[in-house]
Amino acid sequence: MITVTRLNGTKVMINALLIELVEETPDTIISLTTGKKIIVAESASDLLLLVQSYLRTIGVYAATQKSEQTEGP
C-alpha cells in the first residue's frame, strides 16, 4: 500500500499493485485495475518513487532488475 494525498488534503492508502495508469492532465489521475480513478496531489514522478519503494519492501522490485554477474578467476 502507498499513501497519497487527495486534492482536498486527505490522505488515502491505495494498493500499488492495482495501479494500471497514471496521467498528469495537469492534475495527477491514478486509474486502478478495478476501474476506480483517484485524483491526487502527488506528481507522476513522485508516485513512481512511492511504488518503487513499496515494491522493494515486498521484494518484487529486486526480482525485476538484472543481476550483475562477475566473472570468476
PDB file of N, CA and C in Angstrom:
ATOM      1  N   MET A   1       0.839  -1.173   0.000  1.00  0.00           N
ATOM      2  CA  MET A   1       0.000   0.000   0.000  1.00  0.00           C
ATOM      3  C   MET A   1       0.890   1.244   0.000  1.00  0.00           C
ATOM      4  N   ILE A   2       0.447   2.259  -0.718  1.00  0.00           N
ATOM      5  CA  ILE A   2       1.139   3.536  -0.704  1.00  0.00           C
ATOM      6  C   ILE A   2       0.146   4.605  -0.236  1.00  0.00           C
ATOM      7  N   THR A   3       0.667   5.628   0.411  1.00  0.00           N
ATOM      8  CA  THR A   3      -0.175   6.722   0.890  1.00  0.00           C
ATOM      9  C   THR A   3      -0.071   7.889  -0.076  1.00  0.00           C
ATOM     10  N   VAL A   4      -1.218   8.370  -0.534  1.00  0.00           N
ATOM     11  CA  VAL A   4      -1.276   9.513  -1.448  1.00  0.00           C
ATOM     12  C   VAL A   4      -2.213  10.557  -0.849  1.00  0.00           C
ATOM     13  N   THR A   5      -2.169  11.770  -1.395  1.00  0.00           N
ATOM     14  CA  THR A   5      -2.972  12.882  -0.887  1.00  0.00           C
ATOM     15  C   THR A   5      -3.998  13.297  -1.931  1.00  0.00           C
ATOM     16  N   ARG A   6      -5.255  13.246  -1.541  1.00  0.00           N
ATOM     17  CA  ARG A   6      -6.305  13.744  -2.438  1.00  0.00           C
ATOM     18  C   ARG A   6      -6.209  15.262  -2.519  1.00  0.00           C
ATOM     19  N   LEU A   7      -6.865  15.864  -3.476  1.00  0.00           N
ATOM     20  CA  LEU A   7      -6.777  17.311  -3.655  1.00  0.00           C
ATOM     21  C   LEU A   7      -7.357  18.085  -2.472  1.00  0.00           C
ATOM     22  N   ASN A   8      -8.248  17.475  -1.702  1.00  0.00           N
ATOM     23  CA  ASN A   8      -8.809  18.157  -0.535  1.00  0.00           C
ATOM     24  C   ASN A   8      -7.916  18.027   0.697  1.00  0.00           C
ATOM     25  N   GLY A   9      -6.751  17.377   0.544  1.00  0.00           N
ATOM     26  CA  GLY A   9      -5.776  17.274   1.617  1.00  0.00           C
ATOM     27  C   GLY A   9      -5.849  16.004   2.442  1.00  0.00           C
ATOM     28  N   THR A  10      -6.858  15.184   2.223  1.00  0.00           N
ATOM     29  CA  THR A  10      -6.963  13.947   2.987  1.00  0.00           C
ATOM     30  C   THR A  10      -5.997  12.899   2.433  1.00  0.00           C
ATOM     31  N   LYS A  11      -5.477  12.097   3.342  1.00  0.00           N
ATOM     32  CA  LYS A  11      -4.561  11.027   2.956  1.00  0.00           C
ATOM     33  C   LYS A  11      -5.362   9.752   2.736  1.00  0.00           C
ATOM     34  N   VAL A  12      -4.982   8.983   1.747  1.00  0.00           N
ATOM     35  CA  VAL A  12      -5.635   7.714   1.461  1.00  0.00           C
ATOM     36  C   VAL A  12      -4.555   6.713   1.051  1.00  0.00           C
ATOM     37  N   MET A  13      -4.758   5.466   1.457  1.00  0.00           N
ATOM     38  CA  MET A  13      -3.812   4.412   1.089  1.00  0.00           C
ATOM     39  C   MET A  13      -4.431   3.599  -0.039  1.00  0.00           C
ATOM     40  N   ILE A  14      -3.621   3.346  -1.074  1.00  0.00           N
ATOM     41  CA  ILE A  14      -4.097   2.533  -2.190  1.00  0.00           C
ATOM     42  C   ILE A  14      -3.135   1.371  -2.407  1.00  0.00           C
ATOM     43  N   ASN A  15      -3.664   0.316  -2.970  1.00  0.00           N
ATOM     44  CA  ASN A  15      -2.859  -0.852  -3.283  1.00  0.00           C
ATOM     45  C   ASN A  15      -2.058  -0.548  -4.552  1.00  0.00           C
ATOM     46  N   ALA A  16      -0.749  -0.448  -4.414  1.00  0.00           N
ATOM     47  CA  ALA A  16       0.110  -0.083  -5.544  1.00  0.00           C
ATOM     48  C   ALA A  16       0.074  -1.132  -6.652  1.00  0.00           C
ATOM     49  N   LEU A  17      -0.269  -2.363  -6.315  1.00  0.00           N
ATOM     50  CA  LEU A  17      -0.321  -3.427  -7.312  1.00  0.00           C
ATOM     51  C   LEU A  17      -1.545  -3.310  -8.213  1.00  0.00           C
ATOM     52  N   LEU A  18      -2.502  -2.473  -7.848  1.00  0.00           N
ATOM     53  CA  LEU A  18      -3.710  -2.285  -8.647  1.00  0.00           C
ATOM     54  C   LEU A  18      -3.623  -1.088  -9.587  1.00  0.00           C
ATOM     55  N   ILE A  19      -2.500  -0.356  -9.563  1.00  0.00           N
ATOM     56  CA  ILE A  19      -2.353   0.812 -10.428  1.00  0.00           C
ATOM     57  C   ILE A  19      -2.152   0.350 -11.864  1.00  0.00           C
ATOM     58  N   GLU A  20      -3.022   0.832 -12.735  1.00  0.00           N
ATOM     59  CA  GLU A  20      -2.946   0.484 -14.149  1.00  0.00           C
ATOM     60  C   GLU A  20      -2.348   1.629 -14.967  1.00  0.00           C
ATOM     61  N   LEU A  21      -2.706   2.869 -14.596  1.00  0.00           N
ATOM     62  CA  LEU A  21      -2.309   4.018 -15.395  1.00  0.00           C
ATOM     63  C   LEU A  21      -2.219   5.252 -14.507  1.00  0.00           C
ATOM     64  N   VAL A  22      -1.222   6.100 -14.782  1.00  0.00           N
ATOM     65  CA  VAL A  22      -1.083   7.382 -14.085  1.00  0.00           C
ATOM     66  C   VAL A  22      -0.997   8.462 -15.158  1.00  0.00           C
ATOM     67  N   GLU A  23      -1.880   9.456 -15.049  1.00  0.00           N
ATOM     68  CA  GLU A  23      -1.915  10.558 -16.019  1.00  0.00           C
ATOM     69  C   GLU A  23      -1.723  11.887 -15.299  1.00  0.00           C
ATOM     70  N   GLU A  24      -1.031  12.825 -15.943  1.00  0.00           N
ATOM     71  CA  GLU A  24      -0.924  14.201 -15.455  1.00  0.00           C
ATOM     72  C   GLU A  24      -1.619  15.099 -16.462  1.00  0.00           C
ATOM     73  N   THR A  25      -2.749  15.712 -16.051  1.00  0.00           N
ATOM     74  CA  THR A  25      -3.555  16.468 -17.019  1.00  0.00           C
ATOM     75  C   THR A  25      -4.159  17.753 -16.488  1.00  0.00           C
ATOM     76  N   PRO A  26      -3.661  18.706 -15.825  1.00  0.00           N
ATOM     77  CA  PRO A  26      -2.422  18.762 -15.068  1.00  0.00           C
ATOM     78  C   PRO A  26      -2.511  18.060 -13.720  1.00  0.00           C
ATOM     79  N   ASP A  27      -3.750  17.778 -13.237  1.00  0.00           N
ATOM     80  CA  ASP A  27      -3.856  17.006 -12.001  1.00  0.00           C
ATOM     81  C   ASP A  27      -3.407  15.576 -12.280  1.00  0.00           C
ATOM     82  N   THR A  28      -2.933  14.904 -11.253  1.00  0.00           N
ATOM     83  CA  THR A  28      -2.488  13.525 -11.417  1.00  0.00           C
ATOM     84  C   THR A  28      -3.664  12.602 -11.140  1.00  0.00           C
ATOM     85  N   ILE A  29      -3.981  11.780 -12.123  1.00  0.00           N
ATOM     86  CA  ILE A  29      -5.100  10.850 -12.022  1.00  0.00           C
ATOM     87  C   ILE A  29      -4.541   9.423 -12.020  1.00  0.00           C
ATOM     88  N   ILE A  30      -4.887   8.670 -10.982  1.00  0.00           N
ATOM     89  CA  ILE A  30      -4.483   7.272 -10.884  1.00  0.00           C
ATOM     90  C   ILE A  30      -5.685   6.422 -11.281  1.00  0.00           C
ATOM     91  N   SER A  31      -5.519   5.590 -12.307  1.00  0.00           N
ATOM     92  CA  SER A  31      -6.555   4.643 -12.702  1.00  0.00           C
ATOM     93  C   SER A  31      -6.168   3.270 -12.176  1.00  0.00           C
ATOM     94  N   LEU A  32      -7.099   2.636 -11.477  1.00  0.00           N
ATOM     95  CA  LEU A  32      -6.849   1.314 -10.921  1.00  0.00           C
ATOM     96  C   LEU A  32      -7.446   0.235 -11.818  1.00  0.00           C
ATOM     97  N   THR A  33      -6.967  -0.974 -11.671  1.00  0.00           N
ATOM     98  CA  THR A  33      -7.481  -2.084 -12.468  1.00  0.00           C
ATOM     99  C   THR A  33      -8.940  -2.378 -12.138  1.00  0.00           C
ATOM    100  N   THR A  34      -9.430  -1.873 -11.025  1.00  0.00           N
ATOM    101  CA  THR A  34     -10.829  -2.060 -10.627  1.00  0.00           C
ATOM    102  C   THR A  34     -11.762  -1.111 -11.365  1.00  0.00           C
ATOM    103  N   GLY A  35     -11.189  -0.140 -12.106  1.00  0.00           N
ATOM    104  CA  GLY A  35     -11.986   0.849 -12.813  1.00  0.00           C
ATOM    105  C   GLY A  35     -12.116   2.160 -12.064  1.00  0.00           C
ATOM    106  N   LYS A  36     -11.712   2.178 -10.790  1.00  0.00           N
ATOM    107  CA  LYS A  36     -11.804   3.394  -9.988  1.00  0.00           C
ATOM    108  C   LYS A  36     -10.685   4.357 -10.371  1.00  0.00           C
ATOM    109  N   LYS A  37     -10.975   5.653 -10.314  1.00  0.00           N
ATOM    110  CA  LYS A  37      -9.979   6.691 -10.580  1.00  0.00           C
ATOM    111  C   LYS A  37      -9.865   7.592  -9.364  1.00  0.00           C
ATOM    112  N   ILE A  38      -8.624   7.978  -9.034  1.00  0.00           N
ATOM    113  CA  ILE A  38      -8.370   8.834  -7.888  1.00  0.00           C
ATOM    114  C   ILE A  38      -7.508   9.999  -8.350  1.00  0.00           C
ATOM    115  N   ILE A  39      -7.909  11.220  -8.020  1.00  0.00           N
ATOM    116  CA  ILE A  39      -7.118  12.408  -8.338  1.00  0.00           C
ATOM    117  C   ILE A  39      -6.301  12.749  -7.108  1.00  0.00           C
ATOM    118  N   VAL A  40      -4.986  12.871  -7.297  1.00  0.00           N
ATOM    119  CA  VAL A  40      -4.092  13.092  -6.155  1.00  0.00           C
ATOM    120  C   VAL A  40      -3.191  14.300  -6.392  1.00  0.00           C
ATOM    121  N   ALA A  41      -2.594  14.778  -5.296  1.00  0.00           N
ATOM    122  CA  ALA A  41      -1.726  15.956  -5.354  1.00  0.00           C
ATOM    123  C   ALA A  41      -0.305  15.606  -5.803  1.00  0.00           C
ATOM    124  N   GLU A  42       0.118  14.353  -5.599  1.00  0.00           N
ATOM    125  CA  GLU A  42       1.475  13.953  -5.967  1.00  0.00           C
ATOM    126  C   GLU A  42       1.646  13.946  -7.489  1.00  0.00           C
ATOM    127  N   SER A  43       2.867  14.201  -7.924  1.00  0.00           N
ATOM    128  CA  SER A  43       3.165  14.147  -9.357  1.00  0.00           C
ATOM    129  C   SER A  43       3.366  12.690  -9.775  1.00  0.00           C
ATOM    130  N   ALA A  44       3.364  12.451 -11.073  1.00  0.00           N
ATOM    131  CA  ALA A  44       3.588  11.093 -11.583  1.00  0.00           C
ATOM    132  C   ALA A  44       4.967  10.584 -11.176  1.00  0.00           C
ATOM    133  N   SER A  45       5.966  11.454 -11.187  1.00  0.00           N
ATOM    134  CA  SER A  45       7.317  11.019 -10.800  1.00  0.00           C
ATOM    135  C   SER A  45       7.381  10.682  -9.312  1.00  0.00           C
ATOM    136  N   ASP A  46       6.639  11.420  -8.477  1.00  0.00           N
ATOM    137  CA  ASP A  46       6.570  11.098  -7.048  1.00  0.00           C
ATOM    138  C   ASP A  46       5.892   9.739  -6.839  1.00  0.00           C
ATOM    139  N   LEU A  47       4.831   9.495  -7.598  1.00  0.00           N
ATOM    140  CA  LEU A  47       4.141   8.207  -7.498  1.00  0.00           C
ATOM    141  C   LEU A  47       5.050   7.058  -7.913  1.00  0.00           C
ATOM    142  N   LEU A  48       5.844   7.274  -8.947  1.00  0.00           N
ATOM    143  CA  LEU A  48       6.788   6.247  -9.383  1.00  0.00           C
ATOM    144  C   LEU A  48       7.742   5.879  -8.258  1.00  0.00           C
ATOM    145  N   LEU A  49       8.261   6.884  -7.568  1.00  0.00           N
ATOM    146  CA  LEU A  49       9.168   6.623  -6.445  1.00  0.00           C
ATOM    147  C   LEU A  49       8.465   5.885  -5.312  1.00  0.00           C
ATOM    148  N   LEU A  50       7.224   6.260  -5.015  1.00  0.00           N
ATOM    149  CA  LEU A  50       6.457   5.584  -3.971  1.00  0.00           C
ATOM    150  C   LEU A  50       6.219   4.115  -4.320  1.00  0.00           C
ATOM    151  N   VAL A  51       5.853   3.862  -5.566  1.00  0.00           N
ATOM    152  CA  VAL A  51       5.590   2.483  -6.000  1.00  0.00           C
ATOM    153  C   VAL A  51       6.874   1.669  -5.986  1.00  0.00           C
ATOM    154  N   GLN A  52       7.973   2.240  -6.480  1.00  0.00           N
ATOM    155  CA  GLN A  52       9.249   1.524  -6.464  1.00  0.00           C
ATOM    156  C   GLN A  52       9.672   1.191  -5.038  1.00  0.00           C
ATOM    157  N   SER A  53       9.494   2.122  -4.117  1.00  0.00           N
ATOM    158  CA  SER A  53       9.826   1.884  -2.722  1.00  0.00           C
ATOM    159  C   SER A  53       8.969   0.760  -2.145  1.00  0.00           C
ATOM    160  N   TYR A  54       7.684   0.781  -2.460  1.00  0.00           N
ATOM    161  CA  TYR A  54       6.787  -0.272  -1.990  1.00  0.00           C
ATOM    162  C   TYR A  54       7.208  -1.632  -2.548  1.00  0.00           C
ATOM    163  N   LEU A  55       7.509  -1.680  -3.830  1.00  0.00           N
ATOM    164  CA  LEU A  55       7.912  -2.943  -4.445  1.00  0.00           C
ATOM    165  C   LEU A  55       9.201  -3.482  -3.838  1.00  0.00           C
ATOM    166  N   ARG A  56      10.100  -2.577  -3.460  1.00  0.00           N
ATOM    167  CA  ARG A  56      11.331  -3.015  -2.784  1.00  0.00           C
ATOM    168  C   ARG A  56      11.007  -3.650  -1.429  1.00  0.00           C
ATOM    169  N   THR A  57      10.054  -3.080  -0.709  1.00  0.00           N
ATOM    170  CA  THR A  57       9.732  -3.607   0.618  1.00  0.00           C
ATOM    171  C   THR A  57       9.113  -4.996   0.555  1.00  0.00           C
ATOM    172  N   ILE A  58       8.427  -5.314  -0.534  1.00  0.00           N
ATOM    173  CA  ILE A  58       7.839  -6.652  -0.644  1.00  0.00           C
ATOM    174  C   ILE A  58       8.712  -7.588  -1.482  1.00  0.00           C
ATOM    175  N   GLY A  59       9.865  -7.110  -1.941  1.00  0.00           N
ATOM    176  CA  GLY A  59      10.815  -7.958  -2.644  1.00  0.00           C
ATOM    177  C   GLY A  59      10.550  -8.150  -4.123  1.00  0.00           C
ATOM    178  N   VAL A  60       9.600  -7.442  -4.686  1.00  0.00           N
ATOM    179  CA  VAL A  60       9.275  -7.609  -6.099  1.00  0.00           C
ATOM    180  C   VAL A  60      10.221  -6.818  -6.986  1.00  0.00           C
ATOM    181  N   TYR A  61      10.580  -5.613  -6.564  1.00  0.00           N
ATOM    182  CA  TYR A  61      11.413  -4.743  -7.397  1.00  0.00           C
ATOM    183  C   TYR A  61      12.760  -5.382  -7.700  1.00  0.00           C
ATOM    184  N   ALA A  62      13.396  -5.980  -6.699  1.00  0.00           N
ATOM    185  CA  ALA A  62      14.711  -6.598  -6.888  1.00  0.00           C
ATOM    186  C   ALA A  62      14.627  -7.754  -7.870  1.00  0.00           C
ATOM    187  N   ALA A  63      13.513  -8.457  -7.874  1.00  0.00           N
ATOM    188  CA  ALA A  63      13.360  -9.606  -8.765  1.00  0.00           C
ATOM    189  C   ALA A  63      13.237  -9.184 -10.227  1.00  0.00           C
ATOM    190  N   THR A  64      12.885  -7.929 -10.477  1.00  0.00           N
ATOM    191  CA  THR A  64      12.719  -7.472 -11.850  1.00  0.00           C
ATOM    192  C   THR A  64      13.978  -6.851 -12.427  1.00  0.00           C
ATOM    193  N   GLN A  65      14.980  -6.620 -11.593  1.00  0.00           N
ATOM    194  CA  GLN A  65      16.222  -5.989 -12.036  1.00  0.00           C
ATOM    195  C   GLN A  65      17.211  -7.061 -12.495  1.00  0.00           C
ATOM    196  N   LYS A  66      17.988  -6.740 -13.508  1.00  0.00           N
ATOM    197  CA  LYS A  66      19.015  -7.677 -13.972  1.00  0.00           C
ATOM    198  C   LYS A  66      20.117  -7.746 -12.934  1.00  0.00           C
ATOM    199  N   SER A  67      20.518  -8.937 -12.611  1.00  0.00           N
ATOM    200  CA  SER A  67      21.614  -9.075 -11.659  1.00  0.00           C
ATOM    201  C   SER A  67      22.925  -9.002 -12.418  1.00  0.00           C
ATOM    202  N   GLU A  68      23.871  -8.327 -11.815  1.00  0.00           N
ATOM    203  CA  GLU A  68      25.196  -8.208 -12.428  1.00  0.00           C
ATOM    204  C   GLU A  68      25.999  -9.444 -12.084  1.00  0.00           C
ATOM    205  N   GLN A  69      26.536 -10.070 -13.100  1.00  0.00           N
ATOM    206  CA  GLN A  69      27.328 -11.259 -12.876  1.00  0.00           C
ATOM    207  C   GLN A  69      28.791 -10.900 -13.015  1.00  0.00           C
ATOM    208  N   THR A  70      29.570 -11.394 -12.082  1.00  0.00           N
ATOM    209  CA  THR A  70      31.014 -11.170 -12.157  1.00  0.00           C
ATOM    210  C   THR A  70      31.674 -12.449 -12.629  1.00  0.00           C
ATOM    211  N   GLU A  71      32.733 -12.290 -13.366  1.00  0.00           N
ATOM    212  CA  GLU A  71      33.435 -13.449 -13.875  1.00  0.00           C
ATOM    213  C   GLU A  71      34.426 -13.950 -12.828  1.00  0.00           C
ATOM    214  N   GLY A  72      34.514 -15.249 -12.732  1.00  0.00           N
ATOM    215  CA  GLY A  72      35.424 -15.866 -11.770  1.00  0.00           C
ATOM    216  C   GLY A  72      36.874 -15.792 -12.240  1.00  0.00           C
ATOM    217  N   PRO A  73      37.796 -16.246 -11.378  1.00  0.00           N
ATOM    218  CA  PRO A  73      39.225 -16.195 -11.727  1.00  0.00           C
ATOM    219  C   PRO A  73      39.609 -17.112 -12.846  1.00  0.00           C
TER     220      PRO A  73
END
